[in-house]
Amino acid sequence: MRILLDECVPRPLRRELTGHDVRTIKEMGWAGKKNGELLALMAGAGFEVLLTVDQNFRHQQNLAASGVAVVVMVASSNRLADLILLIPAVETALGGIQAGDALEIRA
């Protein structure tokens, strides 16, 4: 699965998502893009999922029309140590996610 890490997600988290093609917004050259533009860029580049900690993201965008899914990780902070605890649930969610889905994974 092709996954994009949002700017608010620590880059080292990508190592925990084995078996996926995981990129960061920065390495794609999309830093600072607005959410709507980001979704369009993602779809055009073949990304399937945005992994974020931004709890408002899914309420601000029309995900059904975007062609991508969003997984929101909700932990006590966006520190790597806190987010790693959510990875097993994220992996499970990725197994059944569809374009347009917005899933929230909580600690």
PDB file of N, CA and C in Angstrom:
ATOM      1  N   MET A   1       0.847  -1.168   0.000  1.00  0.00           N
ATOM      2  CA  MET A   1       0.000   0.000   0.000  1.00  0.00           C
ATOM      3  C   MET A   1       0.897   1.238   0.000  1.00  0.00           C
ATOM      4  N   ARG A   2       0.466   2.259  -0.704  1.00  0.00           N
ATOM      5  CA  ARG A   2       1.227   3.508  -0.783  1.00  0.00           C
ATOM      6  C   ARG A   2       0.665   4.495   0.241  1.00  0.00           C
ATOM      7  N   ILE A   3       1.491   4.864   1.226  1.00  0.00           N
ATOM      8  CA  ILE A   3       1.067   5.679   2.363  1.00  0.00           C
ATOM      9  C   ILE A   3       1.883   6.964   2.417  1.00  0.00           C
ATOM     10  N   LEU A   4       1.195   8.080   2.699  1.00  0.00           N
ATOM     11  CA  LEU A   4       1.863   9.361   2.878  1.00  0.00           C
ATOM     12  C   LEU A   4       1.757   9.764   4.341  1.00  0.00           C
ATOM     13  N   LEU A   5       2.891  10.107   4.958  1.00  0.00           N
ATOM     14  CA  LEU A   5       2.898  10.599   6.334  1.00  0.00           C
ATOM     15  C   LEU A   5       2.709  12.104   6.321  1.00  0.00           C
ATOM     16  N   ASP A   6       1.738  12.574   7.066  1.00  0.00           N
ATOM     17  CA  ASP A   6       1.478  14.004   7.182  1.00  0.00           C
ATOM     18  C   ASP A   6       2.665  14.684   7.866  1.00  0.00           C
ATOM     19  N   GLU A   7       2.755  15.995   7.707  1.00  0.00           N
ATOM     20  CA  GLU A   7       3.873  16.761   8.284  1.00  0.00           C
ATOM     21  C   GLU A   7       3.926  16.666   9.803  1.00  0.00           C
ATOM     22  N   CYS A   8       2.796  16.423  10.444  1.00  0.00           N
ATOM     23  CA  CYS A   8       2.731  16.379  11.906  1.00  0.00           C
ATOM     24  C   CYS A   8       3.092  15.001  12.486  1.00  0.00           C
ATOM     25  N   VAL A   9       3.402  14.048  11.617  1.00  0.00           N
ATOM     26  CA  VAL A   9       3.758  12.696  12.052  1.00  0.00           C
ATOM     27  C   VAL A   9       5.278  12.556  11.995  1.00  0.00           C
ATOM     28  N   PRO A  10       5.903  12.073  13.067  1.00  0.00           N
ATOM     29  CA  PRO A  10       7.363  11.910  13.058  1.00  0.00           C
ATOM     30  C   PRO A  10       7.810  10.967  11.935  1.00  0.00           C
ATOM     31  N   ARG A  11       8.786  11.407  11.165  1.00  0.00           N
ATOM     32  CA  ARG A  11       9.273  10.616  10.024  1.00  0.00           C
ATOM     33  C   ARG A  11       9.747   9.213  10.394  1.00  0.00           C
ATOM     34  N   PRO A  12      10.378   9.007  11.554  1.00  0.00           N
ATOM     35  CA  PRO A  12      10.827   7.649  11.885  1.00  0.00           C
ATOM     36  C   PRO A  12       9.687   6.628  12.019  1.00  0.00           C
ATOM     37  N   LEU A  13       8.448   7.090  12.112  1.00  0.00           N
ATOM     38  CA  LEU A  13       7.327   6.154  12.205  1.00  0.00           C
ATOM     39  C   LEU A  13       7.230   5.286  10.954  1.00  0.00           C
ATOM     40  N   ARG A  14       7.760   5.755   9.853  1.00  0.00           N
ATOM     41  CA  ARG A  14       7.694   4.991   8.604  1.00  0.00           C
ATOM     42  C   ARG A  14       8.357   3.627   8.739  1.00  0.00           C
ATOM     43  N   ARG A  15       9.379   3.529   9.588  1.00  0.00           N
ATOM     44  CA  ARG A  15      10.063   2.239   9.784  1.00  0.00           C
ATOM     45  C   ARG A  15       9.149   1.188  10.387  1.00  0.00           C
ATOM     46  N   GLU A  16       8.113   1.621  11.068  1.00  0.00           N
ATOM     47  CA  GLU A  16       7.182   0.698  11.722  1.00  0.00           C
ATOM     48  C   GLU A  16       6.144   0.143  10.755  1.00  0.00           C
ATOM     49  N   LEU A  17       6.023   0.749   9.587  1.00  0.00           N
ATOM     50  CA  LEU A  17       5.014   0.339   8.609  1.00  0.00           C
ATOM     51  C   LEU A  17       5.662  -0.519   7.530  1.00  0.00           C
ATOM     52  N   THR A  18       6.137  -1.673   7.938  1.00  0.00           N
ATOM     53  CA  THR A  18       6.848  -2.549   7.020  1.00  0.00           C
ATOM     54  C   THR A  18       5.875  -3.140   5.993  1.00  0.00           C
ATOM     55  N   GLY A  19       6.397  -3.384   4.825  1.00  0.00           N
ATOM     56  CA  GLY A  19       5.577  -3.956   3.763  1.00  0.00           C
ATOM     57  C   GLY A  19       4.767  -2.926   2.992  1.00  0.00           C
ATOM     58  N   HIS A  20       4.974  -1.649   3.277  1.00  0.00           N
ATOM     59  CA  HIS A  20       4.256  -0.573   2.589  1.00  0.00           C
ATOM     60  C   HIS A  20       5.273   0.396   1.985  1.00  0.00           C
ATOM     61  N   ASP A  21       4.845   1.103   0.959  1.00  0.00           N
ATOM     62  CA  ASP A  21       5.645   2.176   0.380  1.00  0.00           C
ATOM     63  C   ASP A  21       5.239   3.447   1.111  1.00  0.00           C
ATOM     64  N   VAL A  22       6.068   3.893   2.041  1.00  0.00           N
ATOM     65  CA  VAL A  22       5.737   5.029   2.903  1.00  0.00           C
ATOM     66  C   VAL A  22       6.650   6.202   2.557  1.00  0.00           C
ATOM     67  N   ARG A  23       6.028   7.334   2.278  1.00  0.00           N
ATOM     68  CA  ARG A  23       6.754   8.556   1.958  1.00  0.00           C
ATOM     69  C   ARG A  23       6.287   9.669   2.893  1.00  0.00           C
ATOM     70  N   THR A  24       7.076  10.717   2.974  1.00  0.00           N
ATOM     71  CA  THR A  24       6.698  11.881   3.774  1.00  0.00           C
ATOM     72  C   THR A  24       6.326  13.029   2.840  1.00  0.00           C
ATOM     73  N   ILE A  25       5.555  13.952   3.374  1.00  0.00           N
ATOM     74  CA  ILE A  25       5.184  15.131   2.597  1.00  0.00           C
ATOM     75  C   ILE A  25       6.435  15.895   2.185  1.00  0.00           C
ATOM     76  N   LYS A  26       7.390  16.002   3.088  1.00  0.00           N
ATOM     77  CA  LYS A  26       8.613  16.749   2.798  1.00  0.00           C
ATOM     78  C   LYS A  26       9.379  16.126   1.637  1.00  0.00           C
ATOM     79  N   GLU A  27       9.545  14.802   1.647  1.00  0.00           N
ATOM     80  CA  GLU A  27      10.320  14.194   0.569  1.00  0.00           C
ATOM     81  C   GLU A  27       9.587  14.229  -0.769  1.00  0.00           C
ATOM     82  N   MET A  28       8.276  14.406  -0.736  1.00  0.00           N
ATOM     83  CA  MET A  28       7.517  14.547  -1.974  1.00  0.00           C
ATOM     84  C   MET A  28       7.552  15.992  -2.481  1.00  0.00           C
ATOM     85  N   GLY A  29       8.065  16.906  -1.660  1.00  0.00           N
ATOM     86  CA  GLY A  29       8.122  18.309  -2.054  1.00  0.00           C
ATOM     87  C   GLY A  29       6.801  19.033  -1.877  1.00  0.00           C
ATOM     88  N   TRP A  30       5.945  18.526  -0.986  1.00  0.00           N
ATOM     89  CA  TRP A  30       4.605  19.071  -0.796  1.00  0.00           C
ATOM     90  C   TRP A  30       4.441  19.804   0.530  1.00  0.00           C
ATOM     91  N   ALA A  31       5.522  20.141   1.186  1.00  0.00           N
ATOM     92  CA  ALA A  31       5.441  20.831   2.481  1.00  0.00           C
ATOM     93  C   ALA A  31       4.670  22.131   2.333  1.00  0.00           C
ATOM     94  N   GLY A  32       3.792  22.395   3.282  1.00  0.00           N
ATOM     95  CA  GLY A  32       3.029  23.631   3.304  1.00  0.00           C
ATOM     96  C   GLY A  32       1.791  23.641   2.434  1.00  0.00           C
ATOM     97  N   LYS A  33       1.504  22.568   1.732  1.00  0.00           N
ATOM     98  CA  LYS A  33       0.313  22.518   0.871  1.00  0.00           C
ATOM     99  C   LYS A  33      -0.944  22.465   1.732  1.00  0.00           C
ATOM    100  N   LYS A  34      -1.995  23.101   1.265  1.00  0.00           N
ATOM    101  CA  LYS A  34      -3.294  23.048   1.945  1.00  0.00           C
ATOM    102  C   LYS A  34      -3.870  21.649   1.781  1.00  0.00           C
ATOM    103  N   ASN A  35      -4.743  21.246   2.690  1.00  0.00           N
ATOM    104  CA  ASN A  35      -5.265  19.884   2.704  1.00  0.00           C
ATOM    105  C   ASN A  35      -5.938  19.467   1.404  1.00  0.00           C
ATOM    106  N   GLY A  36      -6.767  20.330   0.823  1.00  0.00           N
ATOM    107  CA  GLY A  36      -7.444  19.986  -0.427  1.00  0.00           C
ATOM    108  C   GLY A  36      -6.462  19.745  -1.557  1.00  0.00           C
ATOM    109  N   GLU A  37      -5.477  20.606  -1.670  1.00  0.00           N
ATOM    110  CA  GLU A  37      -4.449  20.447  -2.697  1.00  0.00           C
ATOM    111  C   GLU A  37      -3.621  19.188  -2.432  1.00  0.00           C
ATOM    112  N   LEU A  38      -3.336  18.922  -1.175  1.00  0.00           N
ATOM    113  CA  LEU A  38      -2.568  17.739  -0.799  1.00  0.00           C
ATOM    114  C   LEU A  38      -3.289  16.464  -1.232  1.00  0.00           C
ATOM    115  N   LEU A  39      -4.593  16.390  -1.006  1.00  0.00           N
ATOM    116  CA  LEU A  39      -5.359  15.205  -1.412  1.00  0.00           C
ATOM    117  C   LEU A  39      -5.302  15.009  -2.924  1.00  0.00           C
ATOM    118  N   ALA A  40      -5.392  16.086  -3.671  1.00  0.00           N
ATOM    119  CA  ALA A  40      -5.324  15.981  -5.132  1.00  0.00           C
ATOM    120  C   ALA A  40      -3.942  15.501  -5.575  1.00  0.00           C
ATOM    121  N   LEU A  41      -2.898  16.028  -4.961  1.00  0.00           N
ATOM    122  CA  LEU A  41      -1.539  15.596  -5.285  1.00  0.00           C
ATOM    123  C   LEU A  41      -1.342  14.121  -4.948  1.00  0.00           C
ATOM    124  N   MET A  42      -1.870  13.722  -3.800  1.00  0.00           N
ATOM    125  CA  MET A  42      -1.758  12.317  -3.389  1.00  0.00           C
ATOM    126  C   MET A  42      -2.403  11.390  -4.398  1.00  0.00           C
ATOM    127  N   ALA A  43      -3.626  11.700  -4.776  1.00  0.00           N
ATOM    128  CA  ALA A  43      -4.352  10.853  -5.725  1.00  0.00           C
ATOM    129  C   ALA A  43      -3.601  10.783  -7.050  1.00  0.00           C
ATOM    130  N   GLY A  44      -3.069  11.913  -7.506  1.00  0.00           N
ATOM    131  CA  GLY A  44      -2.330  11.935  -8.760  1.00  0.00           C
ATOM    132  C   GLY A  44      -1.038  11.147  -8.715  1.00  0.00           C
ATOM    133  N   ALA A  45      -0.456  11.020  -7.533  1.00  0.00           N
ATOM    134  CA  ALA A  45       0.803  10.295  -7.364  1.00  0.00           C
ATOM    135  C   ALA A  45       0.591   8.836  -6.962  1.00  0.00           C
ATOM    136  N   GLY A  46      -0.652   8.409  -6.876  1.00  0.00           N
ATOM    137  CA  GLY A  46      -0.930   7.004  -6.569  1.00  0.00           C
ATOM    138  C   GLY A  46      -0.935   6.641  -5.099  1.00  0.00           C
ATOM    139  N   PHE A  47      -0.962   7.630  -4.211  1.00  0.00           N
ATOM    140  CA  PHE A  47      -1.053   7.316  -2.793  1.00  0.00           C
ATOM    141  C   PHE A  47      -2.474   6.851  -2.470  1.00  0.00           C
ATOM    142  N   GLU A  48      -2.580   5.919  -1.542  1.00  0.00           N
ATOM    143  CA  GLU A  48      -3.875   5.382  -1.144  1.00  0.00           C
ATOM    144  C   GLU A  48      -4.340   5.896   0.208  1.00  0.00           C
ATOM    145  N   VAL A  49      -3.368   6.196   1.103  1.00  0.00           N
ATOM    146  CA  VAL A  49      -3.703   6.560   2.486  1.00  0.00           C
ATOM    147  C   VAL A  49      -2.833   7.709   2.973  1.00  0.00           C
ATOM    148  N   LEU A  50      -3.469   8.640   3.677  1.00  0.00           N
ATOM    149  CA  LEU A  50      -2.753   9.673   4.418  1.00  0.00           C
ATOM    150  C   LEU A  50      -2.800   9.278   5.885  1.00  0.00           C
ATOM    151  N   LEU A  51      -1.650   9.211   6.523  1.00  0.00           N
ATOM    152  CA  LEU A  51      -1.557   8.912   7.946  1.00  0.00           C
ATOM    153  C   LEU A  51      -1.258  10.218   8.665  1.00  0.00           C
ATOM    154  N   THR A  52      -2.140  10.629   9.582  1.00  0.00           N
ATOM    155  CA  THR A  52      -2.028  11.930  10.226  1.00  0.00           C
ATOM    156  C   THR A  52      -2.405  11.841  11.700  1.00  0.00           C
ATOM    157  N   VAL A  53      -2.115  12.908  12.432  1.00  0.00           N
ATOM    158  CA  VAL A  53      -2.605  13.059  13.800  1.00  0.00           C
ATOM    159  C   VAL A  53      -3.587  14.232  13.874  1.00  0.00           C
ATOM    160  N   ASP A  54      -3.853  14.854  12.740  1.00  0.00           N
ATOM    161  CA  ASP A  54      -4.763  15.997  12.640  1.00  0.00           C
ATOM    162  C   ASP A  54      -6.210  15.507  12.726  1.00  0.00           C
ATOM    163  N   GLN A  55      -6.821  15.664  13.901  1.00  0.00           N
ATOM    164  CA  GLN A  55      -8.162  15.141  14.131  1.00  0.00           C
ATOM    165  C   GLN A  55      -9.245  15.895  13.356  1.00  0.00           C
ATOM    166  N   ASN A  56      -8.936  17.076  12.850  1.00  0.00           N
ATOM    167  CA  ASN A  56      -9.912  17.842  12.086  1.00  0.00           C
ATOM    168  C   ASN A  56      -9.849  17.556  10.592  1.00  0.00           C
ATOM    169  N   PHE A  57      -8.816  16.905  10.134  1.00  0.00           N
ATOM    170  CA  PHE A  57      -8.601  16.703   8.704  1.00  0.00           C
ATOM    171  C   PHE A  57      -9.810  16.082   8.025  1.00  0.00           C
ATOM    172  N   ARG A  58     -10.320  15.020   8.584  1.00  0.00           N
ATOM    173  CA  ARG A  58     -11.414  14.297   7.920  1.00  0.00           C
ATOM    174  C   ARG A  58     -12.714  15.084   7.892  1.00  0.00           C
ATOM    175  N   HIS A  59     -12.862  16.063   8.762  1.00  0.00           N
ATOM    176  CA  HIS A  59     -14.074  16.871   8.790  1.00  0.00           C
ATOM    177  C   HIS A  59     -13.981  18.073   7.856  1.00  0.00           C
ATOM    178  N   GLN A  60     -12.786  18.389   7.403  1.00  0.00           N
ATOM    179  CA  GLN A  60     -12.570  19.578   6.581  1.00  0.00           C
ATOM    180  C   GLN A  60     -12.536  19.274   5.090  1.00  0.00           C
ATOM    181  N   GLN A  61     -12.494  18.020   4.716  1.00  0.00           N
ATOM    182  CA  GLN A  61     -12.316  17.650   3.314  1.00  0.00           C
ATOM    183  C   GLN A  61     -13.384  16.657   2.864  1.00  0.00           C
ATOM    184  N   ASN A  62     -13.651  16.644   1.566  1.00  0.00           N
ATOM    185  CA  ASN A  62     -14.560  15.672   0.974  1.00  0.00           C
ATOM    186  C   ASN A  62     -13.740  14.450   0.577  1.00  0.00           C
ATOM    187  N   LEU A  63     -13.578  13.544   1.508  1.00  0.00           N
ATOM    188  CA  LEU A  63     -12.732  12.381   1.260  1.00  0.00           C
ATOM    189  C   LEU A  63     -13.327  11.432   0.233  1.00  0.00           C
ATOM    190  N   ALA A  64     -14.640  11.345   0.185  1.00  0.00           N
ATOM    191  CA  ALA A  64     -15.278  10.439  -0.770  1.00  0.00           C
ATOM    192  C   ALA A  64     -14.893  10.803  -2.204  1.00  0.00           C
ATOM    193  N   ALA A  65     -14.749  12.082  -2.480  1.00  0.00           N
ATOM    194  CA  ALA A  65     -14.407  12.533  -3.827  1.00  0.00           C
ATOM    195  C   ALA A  65     -12.898  12.542  -4.074  1.00  0.00           C
ATOM    196  N   SER A  66     -12.102  12.396  -3.030  1.00  0.00           N
ATOM    197  CA  SER A  66     -10.650  12.550  -3.162  1.00  0.00           C
ATOM    198  C   SER A  66      -9.956  11.338  -3.774  1.00  0.00           C
ATOM    199  N   GLY A  67     -10.510  10.158  -3.572  1.00  0.00           N
ATOM    200  CA  GLY A  67      -9.862   8.952  -4.070  1.00  0.00           C
ATOM    201  C   GLY A  67      -8.807   8.389  -3.141  1.00  0.00           C
ATOM    202  N   VAL A  68      -8.666   8.965  -1.951  1.00  0.00           N
ATOM    203  CA  VAL A  68      -7.716   8.456  -0.963  1.00  0.00           C
ATOM    204  C   VAL A  68      -8.435   8.284   0.376  1.00  0.00           C
ATOM    205  N   ALA A  69      -7.808   7.544   1.270  1.00  0.00           N
ATOM    206  CA  ALA A  69      -8.344   7.343   2.617  1.00  0.00           C
ATOM    207  C   ALA A  69      -7.444   8.068   3.611  1.00  0.00           C
ATOM    208  N   VAL A  70      -7.993   8.333   4.789  1.00  0.00           N
ATOM    209  CA  VAL A  70      -7.243   8.996   5.846  1.00  0.00           C
ATOM    210  C   VAL A  70      -7.334   8.161   7.117  1.00  0.00           C
ATOM    211  N   VAL A  71      -6.190   7.944   7.746  1.00  0.00           N
ATOM    212  CA  VAL A  71      -6.136   7.296   9.051  1.00  0.00           C
ATOM    213  C   VAL A  71      -5.611   8.332  10.029  1.00  0.00           C
ATOM    214  N   VAL A  72      -6.423   8.638  11.048  1.00  0.00           N
ATOM    215  CA  VAL A  72      -6.064   9.613  12.065  1.00  0.00           C
ATOM    216  C   VAL A  72      -5.653   8.857  13.322  1.00  0.00           C
ATOM    217  N   MET A  73      -4.428   9.078  13.761  1.00  0.00           N
ATOM    218  CA  MET A  73      -3.934   8.458  14.983  1.00  0.00           C
ATOM    219  C   MET A  73      -4.143   9.432  16.138  1.00  0.00           C
ATOM    220  N   VAL A  74      -4.804   8.963  17.187  1.00  0.00           N
ATOM    221  CA  VAL A  74      -5.095   9.797  18.344  1.00  0.00           C
ATOM    222  C   VAL A  74      -4.367   9.194  19.547  1.00  0.00           C
ATOM    223  N   ALA A  75      -3.339   9.900  19.985  1.00  0.00           N
ATOM    224  CA  ALA A  75      -2.547   9.458  21.138  1.00  0.00           C
ATOM    225  C   ALA A  75      -2.384  10.652  22.070  1.00  0.00           C
ATOM    226  N   SER A  76      -1.723  10.436  23.182  1.00  0.00           N
ATOM    227  CA  SER A  76      -1.536  11.518  24.150  1.00  0.00           C
ATOM    228  C   SER A  76      -0.651  12.630  23.599  1.00  0.00           C
ATOM    229  N   SER A  77       0.182  12.310  22.593  1.00  0.00           N
ATOM    230  CA  SER A  77       0.997  13.319  21.917  1.00  0.00           C
ATOM    231  C   SER A  77       1.344  12.778  20.535  1.00  0.00           C
ATOM    232  N   ASN A  78       2.008  13.581  19.734  1.00  0.00           N
ATOM    233  CA  ASN A  78       2.447  13.083  18.433  1.00  0.00           C
ATOM    234  C   ASN A  78       3.923  12.664  18.463  1.00  0.00           C
ATOM    235  N   ARG A  79       4.411  12.383  19.660  1.00  0.00           N
ATOM    236  CA  ARG A  79       5.767  11.846  19.813  1.00  0.00           C
ATOM    237  C   ARG A  79       5.812  10.415  19.292  1.00  0.00           C
ATOM    238  N   LEU A  80       6.940  10.038  18.752  1.00  0.00           N
ATOM    239  CA  LEU A  80       7.129   8.713  18.179  1.00  0.00           C
ATOM    240  C   LEU A  80       6.761   7.609  19.170  1.00  0.00           C
ATOM    241  N   ALA A  81       7.213   7.730  20.401  1.00  0.00           N
ATOM    242  CA  ALA A  81       6.953   6.692  21.412  1.00  0.00           C
ATOM    243  C   ALA A  81       5.458   6.470  21.633  1.00  0.00           C
ATOM    244  N   ASP A  82       4.668   7.526  21.574  1.00  0.00           N
ATOM    245  CA  ASP A  82       3.222   7.394  21.766  1.00  0.00           C
ATOM    246  C   ASP A  82       2.540   6.822  20.529  1.00  0.00           C
ATOM    247  N   LEU A  83       3.000   7.213  19.358  1.00  0.00           N
ATOM    248  CA  LEU A  83       2.364   6.759  18.114  1.00  0.00           C
ATOM    249  C   LEU A  83       2.696   5.315  17.769  1.00  0.00           C
ATOM    250  N   ILE A  84       3.884   4.865  18.136  1.00  0.00           N
ATOM    251  CA  ILE A  84       4.269   3.472  17.859  1.00  0.00           C
ATOM    252  C   ILE A  84       3.278   2.496  18.482  1.00  0.00           C
ATOM    253  N   LEU A  85       2.726   2.858  19.618  1.00  0.00           N
ATOM    254  CA  LEU A  85       1.764   1.984  20.292  1.00  0.00           C
ATOM    255  C   LEU A  85       0.504   1.755  19.456  1.00  0.00           C
ATOM    256  N   LEU A  86       0.237   2.645  18.513  1.00  0.00           N
ATOM    257  CA  LEU A  86      -0.956   2.534  17.673  1.00  0.00           C
ATOM    258  C   LEU A  86      -0.725   1.728  16.395  1.00  0.00           C
ATOM    259  N   ILE A  87       0.520   1.421  16.086  1.00  0.00           N
ATOM    260  CA  ILE A  87       0.842   0.774  14.809  1.00  0.00           C
ATOM    261  C   ILE A  87       0.122  -0.567  14.601  1.00  0.00           C
ATOM    262  N   PRO A  88       0.022  -1.453  15.592  1.00  0.00           N
ATOM    263  CA  PRO A  88      -0.721  -2.694  15.335  1.00  0.00           C
ATOM    264  C   PRO A  88      -2.168  -2.436  14.880  1.00  0.00           C
ATOM    265  N   ALA A  89      -2.834  -1.472  15.495  1.00  0.00           N
ATOM    266  CA  ALA A  89      -4.203  -1.142  15.095  1.00  0.00           C
ATOM    267  C   ALA A  89      -4.238  -0.462  13.729  1.00  0.00           C
ATOM    268  N   VAL A  90      -3.234   0.342  13.436  1.00  0.00           N
ATOM    269  CA  VAL A  90      -3.143   0.977  12.111  1.00  0.00           C
ATOM    270  C   VAL A  90      -2.985  -0.099  11.044  1.00  0.00           C
ATOM    271  N   GLU A  91      -2.096  -1.052  11.274  1.00  0.00           N
ATOM    272  CA  GLU A  91      -1.881  -2.143  10.307  1.00  0.00           C
ATOM    273  C   GLU A  91      -3.174  -2.920  10.064  1.00  0.00           C
ATOM    274  N   THR A  92      -3.902  -3.199  11.123  1.00  0.00           N
ATOM    275  CA  THR A  92      -5.182  -3.899  10.980  1.00  0.00           C
ATOM    276  C   THR A  92      -6.150  -3.074  10.134  1.00  0.00           C
ATOM    277  N   ALA A  93      -6.226  -1.789  10.415  1.00  0.00           N
ATOM    278  CA  ALA A  93      -7.121  -0.898   9.667  1.00  0.00           C
ATOM    279  C   ALA A  93      -6.735  -0.835   8.194  1.00  0.00           C
ATOM    280  N   LEU A  94      -5.453  -0.817   7.900  1.00  0.00           N
ATOM    281  CA  LEU A  94      -5.001  -0.740   6.515  1.00  0.00           C
ATOM    282  C   LEU A  94      -5.439  -1.956   5.703  1.00  0.00           C
ATOM    283  N   GLY A  95      -5.636  -3.073   6.387  1.00  0.00           N
ATOM    284  CA  GLY A  95      -6.048  -4.290   5.702  1.00  0.00           C
ATOM    285  C   GLY A  95      -7.421  -4.209   5.068  1.00  0.00           C
ATOM    286  N   GLY A  96      -8.278  -3.317   5.564  1.00  0.00           N
ATOM    287  CA  GLY A  96      -9.631  -3.233   5.018  1.00  0.00           C
ATOM    288  C   GLY A  96     -10.041  -1.850   4.568  1.00  0.00           C
ATOM    289  N   ILE A  97      -9.102  -0.937   4.501  1.00  0.00           N
ATOM    290  CA  ILE A  97      -9.437   0.451   4.176  1.00  0.00           C
ATOM    291  C   ILE A  97      -9.751   0.607   2.687  1.00  0.00           C
ATOM    292  N   GLN A  98     -10.663   1.518   2.394  1.00  0.00           N
ATOM    293  CA  GLN A  98     -11.067   1.811   1.019  1.00  0.00           C
ATOM    294  C   GLN A  98     -10.903   3.305   0.755  1.00  0.00           C
ATOM    295  N   ALA A  99     -10.775   3.666  -0.506  1.00  0.00           N
ATOM    296  CA  ALA A  99     -10.705   5.085  -0.880  1.00  0.00           C
ATOM    297  C   ALA A  99     -11.930   5.801  -0.340  1.00  0.00           C
ATOM    298  N   GLY A 100     -11.717   6.957   0.249  1.00  0.00           N
ATOM    299  CA  GLY A 100     -12.805   7.758   0.819  1.00  0.00           C
ATOM    300  C   GLY A 100     -13.060   7.493   2.290  1.00  0.00           C
ATOM    301  N   ASP A 101     -12.475   6.429   2.829  1.00  0.00           N
ATOM    302  CA  ASP A 101     -12.645   6.123   4.257  1.00  0.00           C
ATOM    303  C   ASP A 101     -11.870   7.106   5.126  1.00  0.00           C
ATOM    304  N   ALA A 102     -12.397   7.351   6.305  1.00  0.00           N
ATOM    305  CA  ALA A 102     -11.703   8.128   7.321  1.00  0.00           C
ATOM    306  C   ALA A 102     -11.796   7.347   8.618  1.00  0.00           C
ATOM    307  N   LEU A 103     -10.676   6.819   9.063  1.00  0.00           N
ATOM    308  CA  LEU A 103     -10.649   6.000  10.263  1.00  0.00           C
ATOM    309  C   LEU A 103      -9.868   6.701  11.359  1.00  0.00           C
ATOM    310  N   GLU A 104     -10.325   6.517  12.579  1.00  0.00           N
ATOM    311  CA  GLU A 104      -9.626   7.080  13.733  1.00  0.00           C
ATOM    312  C   GLU A 104      -9.130   5.923  14.584  1.00  0.00           C
ATOM    313  N   ILE A 105      -7.837   5.930  14.884  1.00  0.00           N
ATOM    314  CA  ILE A 105      -7.212   4.911  15.725  1.00  0.00           C
ATOM    315  C   ILE A 105      -6.821   5.580  17.025  1.00  0.00           C
ATOM    316  N   ARG A 106      -7.367   5.083  18.125  1.00  0.00           N
ATOM    317  CA  ARG A 106      -7.111   5.682  19.448  1.00  0.00           C
ATOM    318  C   ARG A 106      -6.273   4.757  20.307  1.00  0.00           C
ATOM    319  N   ALA A 107      -5.525   5.413  21.216  1.00  0.00           N
ATOM    320  CA  ALA A 107      -4.706   4.658  22.173  1.00  0.00           C
ATOM    321  C   ALA A 107      -5.604   3.973  23.177  1.00  0.00           C
TER     322      ALA A 107
END
